[in-house]
Amino acid sequence: MEILACPIDKHYPLELHVFEEKEEITEGLLVCPQCDRWYPISDEIPQMLPDDLREAKDDLEWLRRWKEQVPDKVLTQGKPFKLESQAIQRTSPRQEIV
């Protein structure tokens, strides 16, 4: 992962956030601190496509699925897609989900 660079601005290293790990990172997130673009890692594969080849529906669904682990900055300011700030509600450890 340390050799990966942002396909947009070529910045490296990227920030790595691991959500699930077995022998390899199975689910996670790469973030470019230079341009605020984020790239999901799904089924051990970093999805590092340029903006024009990414699907908003798929990326937003991925963000919603992992929003508890995704950094707030990605949820509210990430590129090319972000969740609406009013739609982001994290569950605090004291709240009970009914």
C-alpha atoms as a PDB file:
ATOM      1  CA  MET A   1       0.000   0.000   0.000  1.00  0.00           C
ATOM      2  CA  GLU A   2       2.905   2.379   0.637  1.00  0.00           C
ATOM      3  CA  ILE A   3       3.703   2.563  -3.086  1.00  0.00           C
ATOM      4  CA  LEU A   4       0.215   3.690  -4.101  1.00  0.00           C
ATOM      5  CA  ALA A   5      -0.232   7.302  -5.173  1.00  0.00           C
ATOM      6  CA  CYS A   6      -3.334   9.351  -5.898  1.00  0.00           C
ATOM      7  CA  PRO A   7      -4.201   8.930  -9.600  1.00  0.00           C
ATOM      8  CA  ILE A   8      -5.320  12.577  -9.755  1.00  0.00           C
ATOM      9  CA  ASP A   9      -2.440  14.540  -8.218  1.00  0.00           C
ATOM     10  CA  LYS A  10       0.169  11.733  -7.832  1.00  0.00           C
ATOM     11  CA  HIS A  11       0.567  12.513  -4.110  1.00  0.00           C
ATOM     12  CA  TYR A  12       1.879   9.798  -1.826  1.00  0.00           C
ATOM     13  CA  PRO A  13       1.791   8.322   0.698  1.00  0.00           C
ATOM     14  CA  LEU A  14      -1.953   8.002   1.049  1.00  0.00           C
ATOM     15  CA  GLU A  15      -3.679   7.701   4.417  1.00  0.00           C
ATOM     16  CA  LEU A  16      -4.789   4.133   5.078  1.00  0.00           C
ATOM     17  CA  HIS A  17      -7.855   3.321   7.196  1.00  0.00           C
ATOM     18  CA  VAL A  18      -8.416  -0.401   7.805  1.00  0.00           C
ATOM     19  CA  PHE A  19     -11.983  -1.551   8.492  1.00  0.00           C
ATOM     20  CA  GLU A  20     -11.594  -5.336   8.141  1.00  0.00           C
ATOM     21  CA  GLU A  21      -8.432  -7.379   8.002  1.00  0.00           C
ATOM     22  CA  LYS A  22      -7.722 -11.086   7.676  1.00  0.00           C
ATOM     23  CA  GLU A  23      -4.444 -12.090   6.067  1.00  0.00           C
ATOM     24  CA  GLU A  24      -4.799  -8.967   3.939  1.00  0.00           C
ATOM     25  CA  ILE A  25      -6.815  -5.761   4.246  1.00  0.00           C
ATOM     26  CA  THR A  26     -10.233  -6.853   3.023  1.00  0.00           C
ATOM     27  CA  GLU A  27     -12.148  -3.598   3.571  1.00  0.00           C
ATOM     28  CA  GLY A  28     -10.782  -0.127   4.090  1.00  0.00           C
ATOM     29  CA  LEU A  29     -10.153   3.300   2.721  1.00  0.00           C
ATOM     30  CA  LEU A  30      -7.295   5.218   1.113  1.00  0.00           C
ATOM     31  CA  VAL A  31      -7.395   9.015   1.382  1.00  0.00           C
ATOM     32  CA  CYS A  32      -5.239  11.555  -0.452  1.00  0.00           C
ATOM     33  CA  PRO A  33      -4.472  14.322   2.075  1.00  0.00           C
ATOM     34  CA  GLN A  34      -3.484  16.635  -0.782  1.00  0.00           C
ATOM     35  CA  CYS A  35      -6.758  16.708  -2.748  1.00  0.00           C
ATOM     36  CA  ASP A  36      -9.204  15.020  -0.301  1.00  0.00           C
ATOM     37  CA  ARG A  37     -10.088  12.245  -2.733  1.00  0.00           C
ATOM     38  CA  TRP A  38     -10.916   8.884  -1.243  1.00  0.00           C
ATOM     39  CA  TYR A  39     -10.655   5.404  -2.656  1.00  0.00           C
ATOM     40  CA  PRO A  40     -12.434   2.382  -1.177  1.00  0.00           C
ATOM     41  CA  ILE A  41     -10.737  -0.953  -0.623  1.00  0.00           C
ATOM     42  CA  SER A  42     -13.229  -3.758  -1.271  1.00  0.00           C
ATOM     43  CA  ASP A  43     -12.503  -7.477  -1.251  1.00  0.00           C
ATOM     44  CA  GLU A  44      -8.761  -6.717  -0.856  1.00  0.00           C
ATOM     45  CA  ILE A  45      -8.720  -4.500  -3.992  1.00  0.00           C
ATOM     46  CA  PRO A  46      -8.098  -0.734  -3.865  1.00  0.00           C
ATOM     47  CA  GLN A  47     -10.585   0.936  -6.232  1.00  0.00           C
ATOM     48  CA  MET A  48      -8.424   3.798  -7.507  1.00  0.00           C
ATOM     49  CA  LEU A  49     -10.302   5.035 -10.543  1.00  0.00           C
ATOM     50  CA  PRO A  50     -10.241   8.640 -11.761  1.00  0.00           C
ATOM     51  CA  ASP A  51     -13.368  10.679 -11.002  1.00  0.00           C
ATOM     52  CA  ASP A  52     -14.943  10.308 -14.440  1.00  0.00           C
ATOM     53  CA  LEU A  53     -14.867   6.497 -14.226  1.00  0.00           C
ATOM     54  CA  ARG A  54     -16.395   6.237 -10.754  1.00  0.00           C
ATOM     55  CA  GLU A  55     -20.066   5.496 -10.148  1.00  0.00           C
ATOM     56  CA  ALA A  56     -21.718   7.866  -7.658  1.00  0.00           C
ATOM     57  CA  LYS A  57     -24.365   5.310  -6.691  1.00  0.00           C
ATOM     58  CA  ASP A  58     -21.783   2.623  -5.843  1.00  0.00           C
ATOM     59  CA  ASP A  59     -19.414   4.970  -4.018  1.00  0.00           C
ATOM     60  CA  LEU A  60     -22.179   6.592  -1.952  1.00  0.00           C
ATOM     61  CA  GLU A  61     -23.560   3.179  -1.039  1.00  0.00           C
ATOM     62  CA  TRP A  62     -20.059   2.154   0.102  1.00  0.00           C
ATOM     63  CA  LEU A  63     -19.753   5.351   2.203  1.00  0.00           C
ATOM     64  CA  ARG A  64     -23.112   4.704   3.866  1.00  0.00           C
ATOM     65  CA  ARG A  65     -22.135   1.122   4.631  1.00  0.00           C
ATOM     66  CA  TRP A  66     -18.892   2.149   6.368  1.00  0.00           C
ATOM     67  CA  LYS A  67     -19.817   5.611   7.681  1.00  0.00           C
ATOM     68  CA  GLU A  68     -19.152   4.596  11.298  1.00  0.00           C
ATOM     69  CA  GLN A  69     -15.455   4.022  10.432  1.00  0.00           C
ATOM     70  CA  VAL A  70     -14.946   6.619   7.681  1.00  0.00           C
ATOM     71  CA  PRO A  71     -13.298   9.858   8.871  1.00  0.00           C
ATOM     72  CA  ASP A  72     -15.734  12.780   9.163  1.00  0.00           C
ATOM     73  CA  LYS A  73     -13.719  14.844   6.677  1.00  0.00           C
ATOM     74  CA  VAL A  74     -14.281  12.209   3.971  1.00  0.00           C
ATOM     75  CA  LEU A  75     -18.007  12.014   4.731  1.00  0.00           C
ATOM     76  CA  THR A  76     -18.498  15.789   4.540  1.00  0.00           C
ATOM     77  CA  GLN A  77     -15.739  17.067   2.223  1.00  0.00           C
ATOM     78  CA  GLY A  78     -14.390  14.041   0.337  1.00  0.00           C
ATOM     79  CA  LYS A  79     -14.068  13.999  -3.419  1.00  0.00           C
ATOM     80  CA  PRO A  80     -15.504  13.069  -5.821  1.00  0.00           C
ATOM     81  CA  PHE A  81     -18.529  12.140  -3.668  1.00  0.00           C
ATOM     82  CA  LYS A  82     -19.591  12.907  -0.109  1.00  0.00           C
ATOM     83  CA  LEU A  83     -22.623  12.314   2.064  1.00  0.00           C
ATOM     84  CA  GLU A  84     -24.850  15.239   2.893  1.00  0.00           C
ATOM     85  CA  SER A  85     -23.854  16.591   6.293  1.00  0.00           C
ATOM     86  CA  GLN A  86     -27.403  16.491   7.633  1.00  0.00           C
ATOM     87  CA  ALA A  87     -27.699  12.818   6.684  1.00  0.00           C
ATOM     88  CA  ILE A  88     -24.641  11.797   8.721  1.00  0.00           C
ATOM     89  CA  GLN A  89     -25.604  10.464  12.091  1.00  0.00           C
ATOM     90  CA  ARG A  90     -23.126   8.341  13.974  1.00  0.00           C
ATOM     91  CA  THR A  91     -24.251   6.068  16.724  1.00  0.00           C
ATOM     92  CA  SER A  92     -22.553   6.928  19.979  1.00  0.00           C
ATOM     93  CA  PRO A  93     -21.504   3.998  22.170  1.00  0.00           C
ATOM     94  CA  ARG A  94     -24.228   4.955  24.665  1.00  0.00           C
ATOM     95  CA  GLN A  95     -27.060   5.009  22.135  1.00  0.00           C
ATOM     96  CA  GLU A  96     -29.024   1.873  21.612  1.00  0.00           C
ATOM     97  CA  ILE A  97     -30.168   0.961  18.135  1.00  0.00           C
ATOM     98  CA  VAL A  98     -33.811  -0.113  18.116  1.00  0.00           C
END
